[in-house]
Amino acid sequence: MSLGVSVVVCCHNSAARLPATLACLAAQKVSSQDLCEVIVVNNASTDETVRIARDSWPPDCPINLRIVNEPELGLTRARLRGIAEARHPVICFIDDDNRVGPDWIETASKLMSAHPEVGACGGMIEPESDVKLPAWFERFQSYYAVGKQSEEPGDVTESRGYLWGAGLCLRKRAWQTLLDRQFDFLLSDRQGVTLSAGGDAELCYVLRLAGWRLWYEPKLEMKHFLPAARLQWNYLRRVSRGFGAATTGIDIYEMEIRGQAVSLKDRLRRSWIWQTLATIKGLLRRPIKLFRAPLSAMEGDADVLVIENLWGRLNELLRNRKGYKSNLRRISNSQNTQKS
């Protein structure tokens, strides 16, 4: 038995990128066209995204295309709109710069049908660009959600613990269990040109807390198109800083997954002051590079990305001290309520 799939393509000023993405979706080899739909979410675009989406879809394509609007800017808001609009039991998120293989939807449908315990699955992503990839790219490709998500296919719930948002397939029933727990995102993915991050990882952690499994399937192959502007070292530094800020939210879920703090030391480790001092300590381990990093590109140096990550984390901890404490209590109380 195959499960129906709703493919959600979130778009903000995507007119230039969308035709190639939709062409791959329109060319899908599926056993039943009635078990598939493509939803383009127009997220506060100011270009010709809607017209291009409509004009790019072949008139004779048997797969249904719908275009919906989400006026509040942000990838998280766009994905939530897509989930609300989806008519099928599996919801797959394809970014506007992703090009999926011809069997992608069929593979996702069969996998989720065969593994009812899986709340979300993800696949293998390869880079694609019209310019030469930088010498450092392969070393840091995971920052771009590119490469293998595991060495072996299968359950990655404990071994990896999360999946990338690009190509993430979510079971709608699993999402409903999160709504029943009154789940609301602490983190927010990118908003326009703002490189905030972490919503995809947060979703995976919440699924795990609700008892769902995560699965990696390399047969879910896609390409991620990377324009020249995103292959600049300064862009990657900004991405790493955004990831660092997101860790302050991920902390809370990791603490819950590890279990209740019993010893005094464990309780102290959960505190805002402990986490802040530990972050400062991490920065001070590289004093020379910490001084040089704002003054020099230091292209290809992994320590620079670590420094950016820690700076992003520290800035968010200092900016949101009250929020860190209240979010920790909120998630902990929510889990205790579910267990009682």
C-alpha atoms as a PDB file:
ATOM      1  CA  MET A   1       0.000   0.000   0.000  1.00  0.00           C
ATOM      2  CA  SER A   2       1.237   3.493  -0.849  1.00  0.00           C
ATOM      3  CA  LEU A   3       0.498   6.650   1.098  1.00  0.00           C
ATOM      4  CA  GLY A   4      -0.504   9.882  -0.563  1.00  0.00           C
ATOM      5  CA  VAL A   5       2.123  12.633  -0.616  1.00  0.00           C
ATOM      6  CA  SER A   6       1.683  16.400  -0.451  1.00  0.00           C
ATOM      7  CA  VAL A   7       4.830  18.171  -1.625  1.00  0.00           C
ATOM      8  CA  VAL A   8       5.170  21.646  -0.112  1.00  0.00           C
ATOM      9  CA  VAL A   9       7.434  24.137  -1.909  1.00  0.00           C
ATOM     10  CA  CYS A  10       7.978  27.270   0.183  1.00  0.00           C
ATOM     11  CA  CYS A  11       8.807  30.330  -1.904  1.00  0.00           C
ATOM     12  CA  HIS A  12       9.984  33.837  -1.101  1.00  0.00           C
ATOM     13  CA  ASN A  13      10.926  35.776  -4.256  1.00  0.00           C
ATOM     14  CA  SER A  14      11.604  32.481  -6.012  1.00  0.00           C
ATOM     15  CA  ALA A  15      10.796  33.409  -9.604  1.00  0.00           C
ATOM     16  CA  ALA A  16      14.320  32.685 -10.878  1.00  0.00           C
ATOM     17  CA  ARG A  17      14.728  29.360  -9.044  1.00  0.00           C
ATOM     18  CA  LEU A  18      11.253  27.879  -9.267  1.00  0.00           C
ATOM     19  CA  PRO A  19      11.006  26.632 -12.900  1.00  0.00           C
ATOM     20  CA  ALA A  20      13.738  23.978 -12.492  1.00  0.00           C
ATOM     21  CA  THR A  21      12.304  22.818  -9.165  1.00  0.00           C
ATOM     22  CA  LEU A  22       8.768  22.465 -10.524  1.00  0.00           C
ATOM     23  CA  ALA A  23       9.988  20.751 -13.697  1.00  0.00           C
ATOM     24  CA  CYS A  24      11.448  17.944 -11.579  1.00  0.00           C
ATOM     25  CA  LEU A  25       8.223  17.586  -9.606  1.00  0.00           C
ATOM     26  CA  ALA A  26       6.052  17.579 -12.724  1.00  0.00           C
ATOM     27  CA  ALA A  27       8.218  14.763 -14.165  1.00  0.00           C
ATOM     28  CA  GLN A  28       7.694  12.423 -11.189  1.00  0.00           C
ATOM     29  CA  LYS A  29       7.003   8.756 -11.912  1.00  0.00           C
ATOM     30  CA  VAL A  30       4.150   7.894  -9.572  1.00  0.00           C
ATOM     31  CA  SER A  31       1.869   4.851  -9.535  1.00  0.00           C
ATOM     32  CA  SER A  32      -1.235   6.955  -8.942  1.00  0.00           C
ATOM     33  CA  GLN A  33      -1.614  10.650  -9.697  1.00  0.00           C
ATOM     34  CA  ASP A  34      -4.489  10.804  -7.192  1.00  0.00           C
ATOM     35  CA  LEU A  35      -1.992  10.141  -4.375  1.00  0.00           C
ATOM     36  CA  CYS A  36       0.140  13.187  -5.069  1.00  0.00           C
ATOM     37  CA  GLU A  37      -0.177  16.962  -5.039  1.00  0.00           C
ATOM     38  CA  VAL A  38       2.238  19.896  -5.173  1.00  0.00           C
ATOM     39  CA  ILE A  39       1.547  22.966  -3.042  1.00  0.00           C
ATOM     40  CA  VAL A  40       3.483  26.156  -3.749  1.00  0.00           C
ATOM     41  CA  VAL A  41       3.405  28.445  -0.718  1.00  0.00           C
ATOM     42  CA  ASN A  42       3.944  32.045  -1.762  1.00  0.00           C
ATOM     43  CA  ASN A  43       5.569  33.565   1.314  1.00  0.00           C
ATOM     44  CA  ALA A  44       5.325  37.362   1.076  1.00  0.00           C
ATOM     45  CA  SER A  45       7.006  37.464  -2.342  1.00  0.00           C
ATOM     46  CA  THR A  46       7.390  40.781  -4.142  1.00  0.00           C
ATOM     47  CA  ASP A  47       8.466  39.315  -7.494  1.00  0.00           C
ATOM     48  CA  GLU A  48       6.647  37.177 -10.070  1.00  0.00           C
ATOM     49  CA  THR A  49       6.735  33.975  -8.015  1.00  0.00           C
ATOM     50  CA  VAL A  50       3.004  33.242  -8.361  1.00  0.00           C
ATOM     51  CA  ARG A  51       2.891  33.848 -12.118  1.00  0.00           C
ATOM     52  CA  ILE A  52       6.072  31.861 -12.739  1.00  0.00           C
ATOM     53  CA  ALA A  53       4.757  28.960 -10.664  1.00  0.00           C
ATOM     54  CA  ARG A  54       1.525  28.880 -12.623  1.00  0.00           C
ATOM     55  CA  ASP A  55       3.236  29.252 -16.010  1.00  0.00           C
ATOM     56  CA  SER A  56       5.920  26.652 -15.210  1.00  0.00           C
ATOM     57  CA  TRP A  57       3.470  23.842 -14.487  1.00  0.00           C
ATOM     58  CA  PRO A  58       2.738  21.780 -17.632  1.00  0.00           C
ATOM     59  CA  PRO A  59      -0.968  22.026 -18.524  1.00  0.00           C
ATOM     60  CA  ASP A  60      -1.115  18.296 -19.239  1.00  0.00           C
ATOM     61  CA  CYS A  61       0.573  17.247 -15.979  1.00  0.00           C
ATOM     62  CA  PRO A  62      -1.730  14.834 -14.118  1.00  0.00           C
ATOM     63  CA  ILE A  63      -0.322  15.875 -10.738  1.00  0.00           C
ATOM     64  CA  ASN A  64      -2.375  18.640  -9.170  1.00  0.00           C
ATOM     65  CA  LEU A  65      -0.657  21.977  -8.444  1.00  0.00           C
ATOM     66  CA  ARG A  66      -2.069  24.456  -5.942  1.00  0.00           C
ATOM     67  CA  ILE A  67      -0.724  27.901  -5.047  1.00  0.00           C
ATOM     68  CA  VAL A  68      -1.504  29.314  -1.602  1.00  0.00           C
ATOM     69  CA  ASN A  69      -0.411  32.485   0.151  1.00  0.00           C
ATOM     70  CA  GLU A  70       1.278  32.972   3.522  1.00  0.00           C
ATOM     71  CA  PRO A  71       1.649  36.721   4.141  1.00  0.00           C
ATOM     72  CA  GLU A  72       3.790  36.424   7.310  1.00  0.00           C
ATOM     73  CA  LEU A  73       7.429  36.236   6.251  1.00  0.00           C
ATOM     74  CA  GLY A  74       9.469  33.244   7.387  1.00  0.00           C
ATOM     75  CA  LEU A  75      10.191  29.676   6.322  1.00  0.00           C
ATOM     76  CA  THR A  76       8.597  28.271   9.459  1.00  0.00           C
ATOM     77  CA  ARG A  77       5.370  30.172   8.810  1.00  0.00           C
ATOM     78  CA  ALA A  78       5.373  29.010   5.178  1.00  0.00           C
ATOM     79  CA  ARG A  79       5.843  25.369   6.182  1.00  0.00           C
ATOM     80  CA  LEU A  80       3.037  25.620   8.718  1.00  0.00           C
ATOM     81  CA  ARG A  81       0.767  26.957   5.988  1.00  0.00           C
ATOM     82  CA  GLY A  82       1.768  24.054   3.761  1.00  0.00           C
ATOM     83  CA  ILE A  83       0.999  21.529   6.508  1.00  0.00           C
ATOM     84  CA  ALA A  84      -2.422  23.096   7.059  1.00  0.00           C
ATOM     85  CA  GLU A  85      -3.195  22.915   3.328  1.00  0.00           C
ATOM     86  CA  ALA A  86      -1.911  19.363   2.760  1.00  0.00           C
ATOM     87  CA  ARG A  87      -4.529  16.758   1.865  1.00  0.00           C
ATOM     88  CA  HIS A  88      -2.379  13.619   2.080  1.00  0.00           C
ATOM     89  CA  PRO A  89      -0.894  11.669   5.028  1.00  0.00           C
ATOM     90  CA  VAL A  90       2.735  12.399   4.093  1.00  0.00           C
ATOM     91  CA  ILE A  91       4.007  15.976   3.760  1.00  0.00           C
ATOM     92  CA  CYS A  92       7.357  16.567   2.047  1.00  0.00           C
ATOM     93  CA  PHE A  93       9.195  19.900   2.156  1.00  0.00           C
ATOM     94  CA  ILE A  94      11.086  20.787  -1.005  1.00  0.00           C
ATOM     95  CA  ASP A  95      12.942  24.107  -1.059  1.00  0.00           C
ATOM     96  CA  ASP A  96      12.739  26.318  -4.124  1.00  0.00           C
ATOM     97  CA  ASP A  97      16.356  25.446  -4.999  1.00  0.00           C
ATOM     98  CA  ASN A  98      15.962  21.649  -4.728  1.00  0.00           C
ATOM     99  CA  ARG A  99      15.777  19.339  -7.754  1.00  0.00           C
ATOM    100  CA  VAL A 100      14.424  15.904  -6.866  1.00  0.00           C
ATOM    101  CA  GLY A 101      15.022  12.666  -8.769  1.00  0.00           C
ATOM    102  CA  PRO A 102      12.187  11.155 -10.864  1.00  0.00           C
ATOM    103  CA  ASP A 103      11.299   8.482  -8.282  1.00  0.00           C
ATOM    104  CA  TRP A 104      11.489  10.756  -5.256  1.00  0.00           C
ATOM    105  CA  ILE A 105       7.783  10.944  -4.383  1.00  0.00           C
ATOM    106  CA  GLU A 106       7.198   7.233  -4.979  1.00  0.00           C
ATOM    107  CA  THR A 107      10.171   6.352  -2.762  1.00  0.00           C
ATOM    108  CA  ALA A 108       8.933   8.592   0.043  1.00  0.00           C
ATOM    109  CA  SER A 109       5.438   7.117  -0.174  1.00  0.00           C
ATOM    110  CA  LYS A 110       6.616   3.498  -0.015  1.00  0.00           C
ATOM    111  CA  LEU A 111       9.076   4.164   2.807  1.00  0.00           C
ATOM    112  CA  MET A 112       6.532   5.870   5.047  1.00  0.00           C
ATOM    113  CA  SER A 113       3.994   3.156   4.281  1.00  0.00           C
ATOM    114  CA  ALA A 114       6.453   0.381   5.170  1.00  0.00           C
ATOM    115  CA  HIS A 115       7.572   2.004   8.442  1.00  0.00           C
ATOM    116  CA  PRO A 116       4.552   3.281  10.390  1.00  0.00           C
ATOM    117  CA  GLU A 117       6.774   4.044  13.390  1.00  0.00           C
ATOM    118  CA  VAL A 118       8.673   6.694  11.405  1.00  0.00           C
ATOM    119  CA  GLY A 119       7.545  10.258  12.011  1.00  0.00           C
ATOM    120  CA  ALA A 120       9.978  11.836   9.533  1.00  0.00           C
ATOM    121  CA  CYS A 121      12.504  10.742   6.941  1.00  0.00           C
ATOM    122  CA  GLY A 122      15.144  12.442   4.822  1.00  0.00           C
ATOM    123  CA  GLY A 123      17.544  11.599   2.032  1.00  0.00           C
ATOM    124  CA  MET A 124      20.783  12.185   0.171  1.00  0.00           C
ATOM    125  CA  ILE A 125      21.473  15.674  -1.182  1.00  0.00           C
ATOM    126  CA  GLU A 126      24.114  16.558  -3.781  1.00  0.00           C
ATOM    127  CA  PRO A 127      25.418  20.054  -4.592  1.00  0.00           C
ATOM    128  CA  GLU A 128      24.754  21.709  -7.925  1.00  0.00           C
ATOM    129  CA  SER A 129      25.993  25.113  -9.083  1.00  0.00           C
ATOM    130  CA  ASP A 130      26.752  27.100 -12.217  1.00  0.00           C
ATOM    131  CA  VAL A 131      30.109  28.131 -10.726  1.00  0.00           C
ATOM    132  CA  LYS A 132      33.047  26.070  -9.478  1.00  0.00           C
ATOM    133  CA  LEU A 133      32.661  24.934  -5.877  1.00  0.00           C
ATOM    134  CA  PRO A 134      35.253  26.440  -3.477  1.00  0.00           C
ATOM    135  CA  ALA A 135      38.209  24.300  -2.374  1.00  0.00           C
ATOM    136  CA  TRP A 136      36.789  24.188   1.154  1.00  0.00           C
ATOM    137  CA  PHE A 137      33.254  23.205   0.126  1.00  0.00           C
ATOM    138  CA  GLU A 138      33.431  19.434   0.586  1.00  0.00           C
ATOM    139  CA  ARG A 139      34.796  19.832   4.092  1.00  0.00           C
ATOM    140  CA  PHE A 140      31.918  22.065   5.149  1.00  0.00           C
ATOM    141  CA  GLN A 141      29.124  20.869   2.853  1.00  0.00           C
ATOM    142  CA  SER A 142      26.902  19.842   5.750  1.00  0.00           C
ATOM    143  CA  TYR A 143      26.393  23.547   6.510  1.00  0.00           C
ATOM    144  CA  TYR A 144      24.530  23.658   3.192  1.00  0.00           C
ATOM    145  CA  ALA A 145      22.448  20.546   3.969  1.00  0.00           C
ATOM    146  CA  VAL A 146      24.479  18.656   1.378  1.00  0.00           C
ATOM    147  CA  GLY A 147      25.885  15.127   1.499  1.00  0.00           C
ATOM    148  CA  LYS A 148      25.010  11.957   3.378  1.00  0.00           C
ATOM    149  CA  GLN A 149      22.944  12.265   6.534  1.00  0.00           C
ATOM    150  CA  SER A 150      24.257   8.906   7.740  1.00  0.00           C
ATOM    151  CA  GLU A 151      26.740   6.294   6.590  1.00  0.00           C
ATOM    152  CA  GLU A 152      24.006   3.661   6.456  1.00  0.00           C
ATOM    153  CA  PRO A 153      20.305   3.828   5.570  1.00  0.00           C
ATOM    154  CA  GLY A 154      17.776   3.185   8.284  1.00  0.00           C
ATOM    155  CA  ASP A 155      16.777   4.440  11.707  1.00  0.00           C
ATOM    156  CA  VAL A 156      18.897   7.425  12.783  1.00  0.00           C
ATOM    157  CA  THR A 157      16.842   8.467  15.810  1.00  0.00           C
ATOM    158  CA  GLU A 158      19.662   7.947  18.312  1.00  0.00           C
ATOM    159  CA  SER A 159      22.731   7.927  16.060  1.00  0.00           C
ATOM    160  CA  ARG A 160      22.127  11.275  14.330  1.00  0.00           C
ATOM    161  CA  GLY A 161      19.075  12.605  16.098  1.00  0.00           C
ATOM    162  CA  TYR A 162      17.787  15.019  13.464  1.00  0.00           C
ATOM    163  CA  LEU A 163      17.283  15.474   9.712  1.00  0.00           C
ATOM    164  CA  TRP A 164      17.703  18.424   7.376  1.00  0.00           C
ATOM    165  CA  GLY A 165      14.619  20.427   6.488  1.00  0.00           C
ATOM    166  CA  ALA A 166      15.323  20.242   2.743  1.00  0.00           C
ATOM    167  CA  GLY A 167      13.596  17.076   1.570  1.00  0.00           C
ATOM    168  CA  LEU A 168      12.156  16.297   5.000  1.00  0.00           C
ATOM    169  CA  CYS A 169       9.084  14.052   4.797  1.00  0.00           C
ATOM    170  CA  LEU A 170       6.725  14.370   7.749  1.00  0.00           C
ATOM    171  CA  ARG A 171       3.920  11.990   8.681  1.00  0.00           C
ATOM    172  CA  LYS A 172       0.787  14.082   9.170  1.00  0.00           C
ATOM    173  CA  ARG A 173      -0.381  11.839  11.998  1.00  0.00           C
ATOM    174  CA  ALA A 174       2.898  12.464  13.806  1.00  0.00           C
ATOM    175  CA  TRP A 175       2.384  16.194  13.399  1.00  0.00           C
ATOM    176  CA  GLN A 176      -1.082  15.830  14.897  1.00  0.00           C
ATOM    177  CA  THR A 177       0.395  14.221  18.009  1.00  0.00           C
ATOM    178  CA  LEU A 178       2.560  17.331  18.420  1.00  0.00           C
ATOM    179  CA  LEU A 179      -0.477  19.583  18.087  1.00  0.00           C
ATOM    180  CA  ASP A 180      -2.252  17.465  20.683  1.00  0.00           C
ATOM    181  CA  ARG A 181       0.676  18.244  23.003  1.00  0.00           C
ATOM    182  CA  GLN A 182       0.189  21.963  22.198  1.00  0.00           C
ATOM    183  CA  PHE A 183       3.590  22.163  20.522  1.00  0.00           C
ATOM    184  CA  ASP A 184       4.763  25.555  19.286  1.00  0.00           C
ATOM    185  CA  PHE A 185       8.165  26.303  17.754  1.00  0.00           C
ATOM    186  CA  LEU A 186      10.789  27.932  19.944  1.00  0.00           C
ATOM    187  CA  LEU A 187      13.048  28.466  16.930  1.00  0.00           C
ATOM    188  CA  SER A 188      12.425  30.037  13.566  1.00  0.00           C
ATOM    189  CA  ASP A 189      14.063  29.192  10.248  1.00  0.00           C
ATOM    190  CA  ARG A 190      15.242  31.859   7.852  1.00  0.00           C
ATOM    191  CA  GLN A 191      13.154  34.978   7.331  1.00  0.00           C
ATOM    192  CA  GLY A 192      13.938  36.597   3.988  1.00  0.00           C
ATOM    193  CA  VAL A 193      17.676  37.369   4.042  1.00  0.00           C
ATOM    194  CA  THR A 194      17.960  36.705   7.805  1.00  0.00           C
ATOM    195  CA  LEU A 195      19.858  33.452   8.321  1.00  0.00           C
ATOM    196  CA  SER A 196      18.054  32.211  11.415  1.00  0.00           C
ATOM    197  CA  ALA A 197      17.905  28.428  11.652  1.00  0.00           C
ATOM    198  CA  GLY A 198      17.017  25.392  13.708  1.00  0.00           C
ATOM    199  CA  GLY A 199      13.326  24.826  13.046  1.00  0.00           C
ATOM    200  CA  ASP A 200      13.951  21.541  11.214  1.00  0.00           C
ATOM    201  CA  ALA A 201      16.144  20.170  14.024  1.00  0.00           C
ATOM    202  CA  GLU A 202      13.605  21.305  16.617  1.00  0.00           C
ATOM    203  CA  LEU A 203      10.828  19.458  14.801  1.00  0.00           C
ATOM    204  CA  CYS A 204      12.904  16.266  14.813  1.00  0.00           C
ATOM    205  CA  TYR A 205      13.664  16.538  18.526  1.00  0.00           C
ATOM    206  CA  VAL A 206       9.997  17.067  19.368  1.00  0.00           C
ATOM    207  CA  LEU A 207       9.040  14.050  17.271  1.00  0.00           C
ATOM    208  CA  ARG A 208      11.558  11.975  19.219  1.00  0.00           C
ATOM    209  CA  LEU A 209      10.138  13.153  22.538  1.00  0.00           C
ATOM    210  CA  ALA A 210       6.700  12.116  21.302  1.00  0.00           C
ATOM    211  CA  GLY A 211       7.982   8.602  20.557  1.00  0.00           C
ATOM    212  CA  TRP A 212       8.393   8.805  16.771  1.00  0.00           C
ATOM    213  CA  ARG A 213      11.425   7.507  14.856  1.00  0.00           C
ATOM    214  CA  LEU A 214      13.629   9.238  12.279  1.00  0.00           C
ATOM    215  CA  TRP A 215      14.809   7.493   9.104  1.00  0.00           C
ATOM    216  CA  TYR A 216      17.511   8.158   6.513  1.00  0.00           C
ATOM    217  CA  GLU A 217      17.018   6.809   3.000  1.00  0.00           C
ATOM    218  CA  PRO A 218      19.751   7.598   0.422  1.00  0.00           C
ATOM    219  CA  LYS A 219      17.394   6.602  -2.411  1.00  0.00           C
ATOM    220  CA  LEU A 220      15.614   9.881  -1.698  1.00  0.00           C
ATOM    221  CA  GLU A 221      18.068  11.706  -3.958  1.00  0.00           C
ATOM    222  CA  MET A 222      17.947  15.388  -4.752  1.00  0.00           C
ATOM    223  CA  LYS A 223      20.247  18.195  -5.836  1.00  0.00           C
ATOM    224  CA  HIS A 224      20.628  21.487  -3.984  1.00  0.00           C
ATOM    225  CA  PHE A 225      21.373  24.369  -6.343  1.00  0.00           C
ATOM    226  CA  LEU A 226      23.872  26.815  -4.857  1.00  0.00           C
ATOM    227  CA  PRO A 227      24.353  30.220  -6.510  1.00  0.00           C
ATOM    228  CA  ALA A 228      27.700  31.978  -6.365  1.00  0.00           C
ATOM    229  CA  ALA A 229      26.592  34.320  -3.570  1.00  0.00           C
ATOM    230  CA  ARG A 230      26.039  31.386  -1.210  1.00  0.00           C
ATOM    231  CA  LEU A 231      29.451  29.939  -1.942  1.00  0.00           C
ATOM    232  CA  GLN A 232      31.266  32.892  -0.423  1.00  0.00           C
ATOM    233  CA  TRP A 233      33.197  32.317   2.799  1.00  0.00           C
ATOM    234  CA  ASN A 234      31.570  35.295   4.475  1.00  0.00           C
ATOM    235  CA  TYR A 235      28.133  33.791   3.772  1.00  0.00           C
ATOM    236  CA  LEU A 236      29.187  30.519   5.385  1.00  0.00           C
ATOM    237  CA  ARG A 237      30.405  32.406   8.442  1.00  0.00           C
ATOM    238  CA  ARG A 238      26.980  34.007   8.773  1.00  0.00           C
ATOM    239  CA  VAL A 239      25.308  30.606   8.432  1.00  0.00           C
ATOM    240  CA  SER A 240      27.484  29.213  11.211  1.00  0.00           C
ATOM    241  CA  ARG A 241      26.589  32.116  13.470  1.00  0.00           C
ATOM    242  CA  GLY A 242      22.906  31.472  12.831  1.00  0.00           C
ATOM    243  CA  PHE A 243      23.382  27.817  13.713  1.00  0.00           C
ATOM    244  CA  GLY A 244      25.057  28.892  16.941  1.00  0.00           C
ATOM    245  CA  ALA A 245      22.092  31.010  17.936  1.00  0.00           C
ATOM    246  CA  ALA A 246      19.797  28.047  17.288  1.00  0.00           C
ATOM    247  CA  THR A 247      21.720  25.799  19.689  1.00  0.00           C
ATOM    248  CA  THR A 248      20.238  27.690  22.640  1.00  0.00           C
ATOM    249  CA  GLY A 249      16.858  26.236  21.690  1.00  0.00           C
ATOM    250  CA  ILE A 250      18.152  22.789  20.766  1.00  0.00           C
ATOM    251  CA  ASP A 251      19.848  22.613  24.205  1.00  0.00           C
ATOM    252  CA  ILE A 252      16.474  22.347  25.869  1.00  0.00           C
ATOM    253  CA  TYR A 253      15.328  19.366  23.833  1.00  0.00           C
ATOM    254  CA  GLU A 254      18.638  17.559  24.230  1.00  0.00           C
ATOM    255  CA  MET A 255      18.372  17.984  27.988  1.00  0.00           C
ATOM    256  CA  GLU A 256      14.885  16.474  27.966  1.00  0.00           C
ATOM    257  CA  ILE A 257      15.998  13.541  25.839  1.00  0.00           C
ATOM    258  CA  ARG A 258      18.910  12.838  28.217  1.00  0.00           C
ATOM    259  CA  GLY A 259      16.421  12.673  31.077  1.00  0.00           C
ATOM    260  CA  GLN A 260      15.826  14.312  34.413  1.00  0.00           C
ATOM    261  CA  ALA A 261      18.772  15.978  36.125  1.00  0.00           C
ATOM    262  CA  VAL A 262      19.414  14.223  39.433  1.00  0.00           C
ATOM    263  CA  SER A 263      22.757  15.419  40.784  1.00  0.00           C
ATOM    264  CA  LEU A 264      23.523  19.015  41.690  1.00  0.00           C
ATOM    265  CA  LYS A 265      26.110  19.159  38.903  1.00  0.00           C
ATOM    266  CA  ASP A 266      23.553  18.002  36.348  1.00  0.00           C
ATOM    267  CA  ARG A 267      21.101  20.665  37.506  1.00  0.00           C
ATOM    268  CA  LEU A 268      23.798  23.329  37.313  1.00  0.00           C
ATOM    269  CA  ARG A 269      24.685  22.255  33.781  1.00  0.00           C
ATOM    270  CA  ARG A 270      21.120  23.049  32.743  1.00  0.00           C
ATOM    271  CA  SER A 271      21.311  26.605  34.041  1.00  0.00           C
ATOM    272  CA  TRP A 272      21.680  29.700  31.881  1.00  0.00           C
ATOM    273  CA  ILE A 273      24.810  30.854  33.742  1.00  0.00           C
ATOM    274  CA  TRP A 274      26.564  27.500  33.286  1.00  0.00           C
ATOM    275  CA  GLN A 275      25.789  27.430  29.552  1.00  0.00           C
ATOM    276  CA  THR A 276      26.896  31.037  29.123  1.00  0.00           C
ATOM    277  CA  LEU A 277      30.200  30.540  30.945  1.00  0.00           C
ATOM    278  CA  ALA A 278      30.840  27.329  29.003  1.00  0.00           C
ATOM    279  CA  THR A 279      30.305  29.226  25.741  1.00  0.00           C
ATOM    280  CA  ILE A 280      32.726  31.971  26.783  1.00  0.00           C
ATOM    281  CA  LYS A 281      35.252  29.306  27.773  1.00  0.00           C
ATOM    282  CA  GLY A 282      34.915  27.775  24.310  1.00  0.00           C
ATOM    283  CA  LEU A 283      35.673  31.126  22.683  1.00  0.00           C
ATOM    284  CA  LEU A 284      38.726  31.707  24.875  1.00  0.00           C
ATOM    285  CA  ARG A 285      40.262  28.380  23.825  1.00  0.00           C
ATOM    286  CA  ARG A 286      41.266  30.084  20.548  1.00  0.00           C
ATOM    287  CA  PRO A 287      42.479  33.517  21.749  1.00  0.00           C
ATOM    288  CA  ILE A 288      44.626  34.390  18.729  1.00  0.00           C
ATOM    289  CA  LYS A 289      42.049  33.375  16.153  1.00  0.00           C
ATOM    290  CA  LEU A 290      39.299  34.995  18.217  1.00  0.00           C
ATOM    291  CA  PHE A 291      41.182  38.294  17.843  1.00  0.00           C
ATOM    292  CA  ARG A 292      41.968  37.763  14.155  1.00  0.00           C
ATOM    293  CA  ALA A 293      38.553  36.530  13.042  1.00  0.00           C
ATOM    294  CA  PRO A 294      36.823  39.963  12.873  1.00  0.00           C
ATOM    295  CA  LEU A 295      39.799  41.423  10.998  1.00  0.00           C
ATOM    296  CA  SER A 296      40.531  38.691   8.463  1.00  0.00           C
ATOM    297  CA  ALA A 297      38.533  36.307   6.283  1.00  0.00           C
ATOM    298  CA  MET A 298      40.725  33.314   7.256  1.00  0.00           C
ATOM    299  CA  GLU A 299      39.041  31.416   4.431  1.00  0.00           C
ATOM    300  CA  GLY A 300      38.849  27.673   4.875  1.00  0.00           C
ATOM    301  CA  ASP A 301      39.775  27.720   8.565  1.00  0.00           C
ATOM    302  CA  ALA A 302      37.387  25.474  10.504  1.00  0.00           C
ATOM    303  CA  ASP A 303      38.156  27.297  13.759  1.00  0.00           C
ATOM    304  CA  VAL A 304      36.634  30.458  12.309  1.00  0.00           C
ATOM    305  CA  LEU A 305      33.319  28.666  11.845  1.00  0.00           C
ATOM    306  CA  VAL A 306      33.521  27.363  15.409  1.00  0.00           C
ATOM    307  CA  ILE A 307      34.128  30.918  16.637  1.00  0.00           C
ATOM    308  CA  GLU A 308      31.168  32.233  14.616  1.00  0.00           C
ATOM    309  CA  ASN A 309      29.003  29.442  16.019  1.00  0.00           C
ATOM    310  CA  LEU A 310      29.990  30.258  19.591  1.00  0.00           C
ATOM    311  CA  TRP A 311      29.518  33.998  19.010  1.00  0.00           C
ATOM    312  CA  GLY A 312      26.023  33.348  17.687  1.00  0.00           C
ATOM    313  CA  ARG A 313      25.288  31.172  20.691  1.00  0.00           C
ATOM    314  CA  LEU A 314      26.667  33.689  23.188  1.00  0.00           C
ATOM    315  CA  ASN A 315      24.799  36.607  21.636  1.00  0.00           C
ATOM    316  CA  GLU A 316      21.530  34.679  21.794  1.00  0.00           C
ATOM    317  CA  LEU A 317      22.133  33.604  25.400  1.00  0.00           C
ATOM    318  CA  LEU A 318      22.802  37.204  26.432  1.00  0.00           C
ATOM    319  CA  ARG A 319      19.887  38.540  24.413  1.00  0.00           C
ATOM    320  CA  ASN A 320      17.359  36.037  25.669  1.00  0.00           C
ATOM    321  CA  ARG A 321      18.274  35.120  29.243  1.00  0.00           C
ATOM    322  CA  LYS A 322      14.696  35.138  30.498  1.00  0.00           C
ATOM    323  CA  GLY A 323      13.514  33.253  27.430  1.00  0.00           C
ATOM    324  CA  TYR A 324      16.123  30.522  27.916  1.00  0.00           C
ATOM    325  CA  LYS A 325      14.947  29.898  31.466  1.00  0.00           C
ATOM    326  CA  SER A 326      11.237  30.044  30.654  1.00  0.00           C
ATOM    327  CA  ASN A 327      11.609  27.773  27.612  1.00  0.00           C
ATOM    328  CA  LEU A 328      13.472  25.209  29.706  1.00  0.00           C
ATOM    329  CA  ARG A 329      10.639  25.198  32.249  1.00  0.00           C
ATOM    330  CA  ARG A 330       7.996  25.130  29.533  1.00  0.00           C
ATOM    331  CA  ILE A 331       9.396  22.074  27.726  1.00  0.00           C
ATOM    332  CA  SER A 332      10.155  20.270  30.983  1.00  0.00           C
ATOM    333  CA  ASN A 333       6.649  20.907  32.320  1.00  0.00           C
ATOM    334  CA  SER A 334       5.126  19.832  29.010  1.00  0.00           C
ATOM    335  CA  GLN A 335       6.980  16.515  29.111  1.00  0.00           C
ATOM    336  CA  ASN A 336       6.040  15.919  32.735  1.00  0.00           C
ATOM    337  CA  THR A 337       2.399  16.573  31.915  1.00  0.00           C
ATOM    338  CA  GLN A 338       2.498  14.040  29.080  1.00  0.00           C
ATOM    339  CA  LYS A 339       4.090  11.406  31.316  1.00  0.00           C
ATOM    340  CA  SER A 340       1.600  11.847  34.158  1.00  0.00           C
END
